[in-house]
PDB file of N, CA and C in Angstrom:
ATOM      1  N   VAL A   1      -3.845   0.249   5.864  1.00  0.00           N
ATOM      2  CA  VAL A   1      -3.031  -0.864   5.428  1.00  0.00           C
ATOM      3  C   VAL A   1      -1.824  -1.056   5.812  1.00  0.00           C
ATOM      4  N   GLY A   2      -1.104  -1.802   6.287  1.00  0.00           N
ATOM      5  CA  GLY A   2       0.069  -2.071   7.154  1.00  0.00           C
ATOM      6  C   GLY A   2       0.572  -2.933   6.415  1.00  0.00           C
ATOM      7  N   LEU A   3       1.739  -2.899   5.974  1.00  0.00           N
ATOM      8  CA  LEU A   3       2.849  -3.856   5.331  1.00  0.00           C
ATOM      9  C   LEU A   3       4.092  -3.654   6.566  1.00  0.00           C
ATOM     10  N   PHE A   4       4.514  -4.831   6.724  1.00  0.00           N
ATOM     11  CA  PHE A   4       5.698  -4.982   7.747  1.00  0.00           C
ATOM     12  C   PHE A   4       6.560  -5.836   7.292  1.00  0.00           C
ATOM     13  N   ASN A   5       7.873  -5.534   7.308  1.00  0.00           N
ATOM     14  CA  ASN A   5       9.027  -6.147   7.156  1.00  0.00           C
ATOM     15  C   ASN A   5       9.871  -6.712   8.600  1.00  0.00           C
ATOM     16  N   THR A   6       9.694  -8.266   8.761  1.00  0.00           N
ATOM     17  CA  THR A   6      10.417  -8.554  10.024  1.00  0.00           C
ATOM     18  C   THR A   6      11.420  -8.959   9.523  1.00  0.00           C
ATOM     19  N   LEU A   7      12.634  -9.247   8.081  1.00  0.00           N
ATOM     20  CA  LEU A   7      13.346 -10.092   7.929  1.00  0.00           C
ATOM     21  C   LEU A   7      14.308  -8.525   8.173  1.00  0.00           C
ATOM     22  N   TYR A   8      15.671  -8.844   7.723  1.00  0.00           N
ATOM     23  CA  TYR A   8      16.499  -8.487   8.224  1.00  0.00           C
ATOM     24  C   TYR A   8      17.619  -8.084   6.474  1.00  0.00           C
ATOM     25  N   HIS A   9      16.693  -7.893   5.753  1.00  0.00           N
ATOM     26  CA  HIS A   9      16.865  -7.081   4.769  1.00  0.00           C
ATOM     27  C   HIS A   9      15.473  -6.638   3.621  1.00  0.00           C
ATOM     28  N   PRO A  10      16.047  -5.666   2.607  1.00  0.00           N
ATOM     29  CA  PRO A  10      14.483  -4.927   2.417  1.00  0.00           C
ATOM     30  C   PRO A  10      13.694  -5.799   1.585  1.00  0.00           C
ATOM     31  N   LEU A  11      12.420  -5.769   1.553  1.00  0.00           N
ATOM     32  CA  LEU A  11      11.110  -6.552   1.211  1.00  0.00           C
ATOM     33  C   LEU A  11      10.366  -5.709   0.346  1.00  0.00           C
ATOM     34  N   GLY A  12      10.159  -6.471  -0.880  1.00  0.00           N
ATOM     35  CA  GLY A  12       9.360  -6.308  -2.086  1.00  0.00           C
ATOM     36  C   GLY A  12       8.097  -6.768  -1.443  1.00  0.00           C
ATOM     37  N   ALA A  13       6.769  -6.071  -1.245  1.00  0.00           N
ATOM     38  CA  ALA A  13       5.879  -6.519  -0.882  1.00  0.00           C
ATOM     39  C   ALA A  13       4.817  -5.911  -1.364  1.00  0.00           C
ATOM     40  N   THR A  14       3.996  -6.694  -1.837  1.00  0.00           N
ATOM     41  CA  THR A  14       2.755  -6.444  -3.111  1.00  0.00           C
ATOM     42  C   THR A  14       1.360  -6.525  -2.224  1.00  0.00           C
ATOM     43  N   LEU A  15       1.057  -4.949  -2.558  1.00  0.00           N
ATOM     44  CA  LEU A  15      -0.316  -4.761  -1.530  1.00  0.00           C
ATOM     45  C   LEU A  15      -1.692  -5.394  -3.086  1.00  0.00           C
ATOM     46  N   ASP A  16      -2.158  -6.714  -2.726  1.00  0.00           N
ATOM     47  CA  ASP A  16      -3.244  -7.059  -3.642  1.00  0.00           C
ATOM     48  C   ASP A  16      -4.830  -6.549  -3.235  1.00  0.00           C
ATOM     49  N   PHE A  17      -5.213  -5.772  -3.627  1.00  0.00           N
ATOM     50  CA  PHE A  17      -6.756  -5.517  -3.896  1.00  0.00           C
ATOM     51  C   PHE A  17      -7.521  -6.314  -3.773  1.00  0.00           C
ATOM     52  N   GLU A  18      -7.659  -7.370  -4.793  1.00  0.00           N
ATOM     53  CA  GLU A  18      -8.666  -8.449  -4.409  1.00  0.00           C
ATOM     54  C   GLU A  18      -8.427  -9.404  -3.473  1.00  0.00           C
ATOM     55  N   ALA A  19      -6.823  -9.620  -2.590  1.00  0.00           N
ATOM     56  CA  ALA A  19      -7.217  -9.933  -1.459  1.00  0.00           C
ATOM     57  C   ALA A  19      -7.762  -9.113  -0.444  1.00  0.00           C
ATOM     58  N   LEU A  20      -7.616  -7.890  -0.181  1.00  0.00           N
ATOM     59  CA  LEU A  20      -8.236  -7.180   0.496  1.00  0.00           C
ATOM     60  C   LEU A  20      -9.665  -6.682   0.293  1.00  0.00           C
ATOM     61  N   GLY A  21     -10.677  -7.719  -0.706  1.00  0.00           N
ATOM     62  CA  GLY A  21     -11.608  -7.160  -1.108  1.00  0.00           C
ATOM     63  C   GLY A  21     -12.011  -5.811  -1.734  1.00  0.00           C
ATOM     64  N   LEU A  22     -11.357  -5.154  -2.475  1.00  0.00           N
ATOM     65  CA  LEU A  22     -11.498  -3.777  -2.750  1.00  0.00           C
ATOM     66  C   LEU A  22     -11.287  -4.169  -4.541  1.00  0.00           C
ATOM     67  N   HIS A  23     -12.044  -3.290  -4.902  1.00  0.00           N
ATOM     68  CA  HIS A  23     -12.199  -3.301  -6.523  1.00  0.00           C
ATOM     69  C   HIS A  23     -12.284  -1.710  -7.259  1.00  0.00           C
ATOM     70  N   GLY A  24     -11.231  -1.715  -7.992  1.00  0.00           N
ATOM     71  CA  GLY A  24     -11.404  -0.401  -8.495  1.00  0.00           C
ATOM     72  C   GLY A  24     -10.404   0.742  -8.332  1.00  0.00           C
ATOM     73  N   ALA A  25      -9.813   1.628  -8.693  1.00  0.00           N
ATOM     74  CA  ALA A  25      -9.094   2.378  -8.391  1.00  0.00           C
ATOM     75  C   ALA A  25      -8.750   3.263  -6.711  1.00  0.00           C
ATOM     76  N   VAL A  26      -8.273   3.455  -6.325  1.00  0.00           N
ATOM     77  CA  VAL A  26      -8.505   4.351  -4.710  1.00  0.00           C
ATOM     78  C   VAL A  26      -7.350   5.129  -4.419  1.00  0.00           C
ATOM     79  N   PRO A  27      -7.495   6.461  -4.010  1.00  0.00           N
ATOM     80  CA  PRO A  27      -6.652   7.267  -3.802  1.00  0.00           C
ATOM     81  C   PRO A  27      -5.532   6.765  -2.284  1.00  0.00           C
ATOM     82  N   ALA A  28      -4.410   6.897  -2.503  1.00  0.00           N
ATOM     83  CA  ALA A  28      -3.418   6.426  -1.558  1.00  0.00           C
ATOM     84  C   ALA A  28      -2.648   7.056  -0.999  1.00  0.00           C
ATOM     85  N   ARG A  29      -2.314   7.190   0.659  1.00  0.00           N
ATOM     86  CA  ARG A  29      -1.422   7.895   0.959  1.00  0.00           C
ATOM     87  C   ARG A  29      -0.514   7.468   2.218  1.00  0.00           C
ATOM     88  N   ASP A  30       0.923   7.822   1.432  1.00  0.00           N
ATOM     89  CA  ASP A  30       1.678   7.128   2.988  1.00  0.00           C
ATOM     90  C   ASP A  30       1.741   7.924   4.173  1.00  0.00           C
ATOM     91  N   LEU A  31       1.544   7.435   5.091  1.00  0.00           N
ATOM     92  CA  LEU A  31       1.231   8.308   6.411  1.00  0.00           C
ATOM     93  C   LEU A  31       2.715   8.376   7.004  1.00  0.00           C
ATOM     94  N   TRP A  32       3.742   7.260   7.163  1.00  0.00           N
ATOM     95  CA  TRP A  32       4.710   8.210   7.584  1.00  0.00           C
ATOM     96  C   TRP A  32       5.525   9.235   6.695  1.00  0.00           C
ATOM     97  N   ARG A  33       5.246   9.219   5.213  1.00  0.00           N
ATOM     98  CA  ARG A  33       5.928  10.027   4.654  1.00  0.00           C
ATOM     99  C   ARG A  33       5.357  11.114   4.339  1.00  0.00           C
ATOM    100  N   HIS A  34       3.899  11.142   4.404  1.00  0.00           N
ATOM    101  CA  HIS A  34       2.991  12.517   4.659  1.00  0.00           C
ATOM    102  C   HIS A  34       3.027  12.996   2.981  1.00  0.00           C
ATOM    103  N   ARG A  35       2.711  11.869   2.161  1.00  0.00           N
ATOM    104  CA  ARG A  35       2.826  12.048   0.797  1.00  0.00           C
ATOM    105  C   ARG A  35       1.628  11.461  -0.118  1.00  0.00           C
ATOM    106  N   ASP A  36       0.917  12.096  -0.827  1.00  0.00           N
ATOM    107  CA  ASP A  36       0.033  11.129  -1.487  1.00  0.00           C
ATOM    108  C   ASP A  36       0.642  10.898  -2.581  1.00  0.00           C
ATOM    109  N   LEU A  37       0.245   9.341  -3.057  1.00  0.00           N
ATOM    110  CA  LEU A  37       0.644   8.289  -3.775  1.00  0.00           C
ATOM    111  C   LEU A  37      -0.169   8.568  -5.050  1.00  0.00           C
ATOM    112  N   GLY A  38      -1.448   9.029  -4.934  1.00  0.00           N
ATOM    113  CA  GLY A  38      -2.234   8.970  -6.126  1.00  0.00           C
ATOM    114  C   GLY A  38      -2.843   7.830  -5.863  1.00  0.00           C
ATOM    115  N   ASP A  39      -4.101   7.510  -7.218  1.00  0.00           N
ATOM    116  CA  ASP A  39      -4.585   6.496  -7.027  1.00  0.00           C
ATOM    117  C   ASP A  39      -4.039   5.186  -7.513  1.00  0.00           C
ATOM    118  N   ILE A  40      -4.453   3.980  -7.064  1.00  0.00           N
ATOM    119  CA  ILE A  40      -3.726   2.505  -7.174  1.00  0.00           C
ATOM    120  C   ILE A  40      -4.811   1.632  -7.423  1.00  0.00           C
ATOM    121  N   ASP A  41      -4.843   0.615  -7.905  1.00  0.00           N
ATOM    122  CA  ASP A  41      -5.553  -0.274  -8.200  1.00  0.00           C
ATOM    123  C   ASP A  41      -4.774  -1.857  -8.234  1.00  0.00           C
ATOM    124  N   THR A  42      -6.021  -2.799  -7.964  1.00  0.00           N
ATOM    125  CA  THR A  42      -5.212  -4.117  -8.696  1.00  0.00           C
ATOM    126  C   THR A  42      -3.870  -4.748  -7.350  1.00  0.00           C
ATOM    127  N   ARG A  43      -3.103  -4.234  -8.125  1.00  0.00           N
ATOM    128  CA  ARG A  43      -1.689  -4.729  -7.633  1.00  0.00           C
ATOM    129  C   ARG A  43      -0.282  -3.865  -7.543  1.00  0.00           C
ATOM    130  N   ARG A  44       0.500  -3.620  -5.976  1.00  0.00           N
ATOM    131  CA  ARG A  44       1.638  -3.201  -6.513  1.00  0.00           C
ATOM    132  C   ARG A  44       2.320  -2.702  -5.040  1.00  0.00           C
ATOM    133  N   VAL A  45       3.704  -3.041  -6.187  1.00  0.00           N
ATOM    134  CA  VAL A  45       4.732  -3.265  -4.932  1.00  0.00           C
ATOM    135  C   VAL A  45       5.603  -2.289  -4.229  1.00  0.00           C
ATOM    136  N   PHE A  46       5.648  -2.422  -2.702  1.00  0.00           N
ATOM    137  CA  PHE A  46       6.225  -1.548  -2.227  1.00  0.00           C
ATOM    138  C   PHE A  46       7.472  -1.986  -1.651  1.00  0.00           C
ATOM    139  N   GLN A  47       8.443  -1.057  -1.366  1.00  0.00           N
ATOM    140  CA  GLN A  47       9.339  -1.456  -0.877  1.00  0.00           C
ATOM    141  C   GLN A  47       9.430  -1.210   0.400  1.00  0.00           C
ATOM    142  N   VAL A  48       9.672  -2.256   1.194  1.00  0.00           N
ATOM    143  CA  VAL A  48       9.686  -2.546   2.634  1.00  0.00           C
ATOM    144  C   VAL A  48      11.208  -2.028   3.131  1.00  0.00           C
ATOM    145  N   PRO A  49      11.767  -1.675   3.535  1.00  0.00           N
ATOM    146  CA  PRO A  49      13.011  -1.434   4.343  1.00  0.00           C
ATOM    147  C   PRO A  49      13.040  -3.081   5.551  1.00  0.00           C
ATOM    148  N   ALA A  50      14.664  -3.523   5.848  1.00  0.00           N
ATOM    149  CA  ALA A  50      14.584  -3.954   6.762  1.00  0.00           C
ATOM    150  C   ALA A  50      14.350  -3.887   8.635  1.00  0.00           C
ATOM    151  N   HIS A  51      13.393  -4.799   8.512  1.00  0.00           N
ATOM    152  CA  HIS A  51      12.437  -4.139  10.091  1.00  0.00           C
ATOM    153  C   HIS A  51      11.667  -2.896   9.935  1.00  0.00           C
ATOM    154  N   GLY A  52      11.123  -2.515   8.934  1.00  0.00           N
ATOM    155  CA  GLY A  52      10.207  -1.484   8.465  1.00  0.00           C
ATOM    156  C   GLY A  52       9.018  -1.518   8.583  1.00  0.00           C
ATOM    157  N   VAL A  53       8.272  -0.570   8.300  1.00  0.00           N
ATOM    158  CA  VAL A  53       6.949  -0.643   7.718  1.00  0.00           C
ATOM    159  C   VAL A  53       6.085   0.145   6.953  1.00  0.00           C
ATOM    160  N   ILE A  54       5.642  -0.460   6.200  1.00  0.00           N
ATOM    161  CA  ILE A  54       4.553   0.974   4.971  1.00  0.00           C
ATOM    162  C   ILE A  54       3.449   1.063   5.847  1.00  0.00           C
ATOM    163  N   LEU A  55       3.110   2.375   6.407  1.00  0.00           N
ATOM    164  CA  LEU A  55       1.630   2.457   6.667  1.00  0.00           C
ATOM    165  C   LEU A  55       0.764   3.054   5.552  1.00  0.00           C
ATOM    166  N   LEU A  56      -0.230   2.602   4.900  1.00  0.00           N
ATOM    167  CA  LEU A  56      -1.380   3.321   3.821  1.00  0.00           C
ATOM    168  C   LEU A  56      -2.492   3.844   4.464  1.00  0.00           C
ATOM    169  N   GLU A  57      -3.050   5.074   4.097  1.00  0.00           N
ATOM    170  CA  GLU A  57      -4.145   5.094   3.917  1.00  0.00           C
ATOM    171  C   GLU A  57      -5.059   5.271   2.558  1.00  0.00           C
ATOM    172  N   LEU A  58      -6.208   4.133   2.496  1.00  0.00           N
ATOM    173  CA  LEU A  58      -6.514   4.266   1.473  1.00  0.00           C
ATOM    174  C   LEU A  58      -8.062   4.591   1.598  1.00  0.00           C
ATOM    175  N   GLY A  59      -8.749   5.413   0.428  1.00  0.00           N
ATOM    176  CA  GLY A  59      -9.608   6.151   0.296  1.00  0.00           C
ATOM    177  C   GLY A  59     -10.752   5.505   0.128  1.00  0.00           C
ATOM    178  N   VAL A  60     -11.753   6.257  -0.558  1.00  0.00           N
ATOM    179  CA  VAL A  60     -12.943   6.042  -0.981  1.00  0.00           C
ATOM    180  C   VAL A  60     -12.717   5.296  -2.837  1.00  0.00           C
ATOM    181  N   PRO A  61     -12.681   4.256  -3.023  1.00  0.00           N
ATOM    182  CA  PRO A  61     -13.097   4.186  -4.797  1.00  0.00           C
ATOM    183  C   PRO A  61     -13.617   5.040  -5.327  1.00  0.00           C
ATOM    184  N   ALA A  62     -13.425   5.130  -6.363  1.00  0.00           N
ATOM    185  CA  ALA A  62     -14.187   6.380  -7.434  1.00  0.00           C
ATOM    186  C   ALA A  62     -15.474   5.482  -7.929  1.00  0.00           C
ATOM    187  N   LYS A  63     -16.317   6.545  -7.594  1.00  0.00           N
ATOM    188  CA  LYS A  63     -17.486   6.038  -8.695  1.00  0.00           C
ATOM    189  C   LYS A  63     -17.470   5.856 -10.358  1.00  0.00           C
ATOM    190  N   SER A  64     -18.111   4.853 -10.576  1.00  0.00           N
ATOM    191  CA  SER A  64     -17.770   4.361 -12.166  1.00  0.00           C
ATOM    192  C   SER A  64     -19.267   5.216 -12.884  1.00  0.00           C
TER     193      SER A  64
END
């Protein structure tokens, strides 16, 4: 999932799982920073720098 900011100032971009058709917690990894973010679910706000990108790899939801 990519979060893009085309503005001249930082932006709080919300990743909304329902809008993506995802349900439940999934493991996430920041691909630019090479950092695991742990499990995320429902909604999460990411701070995207001016003219920047947050690129996330989302894993498979945990089975209940």
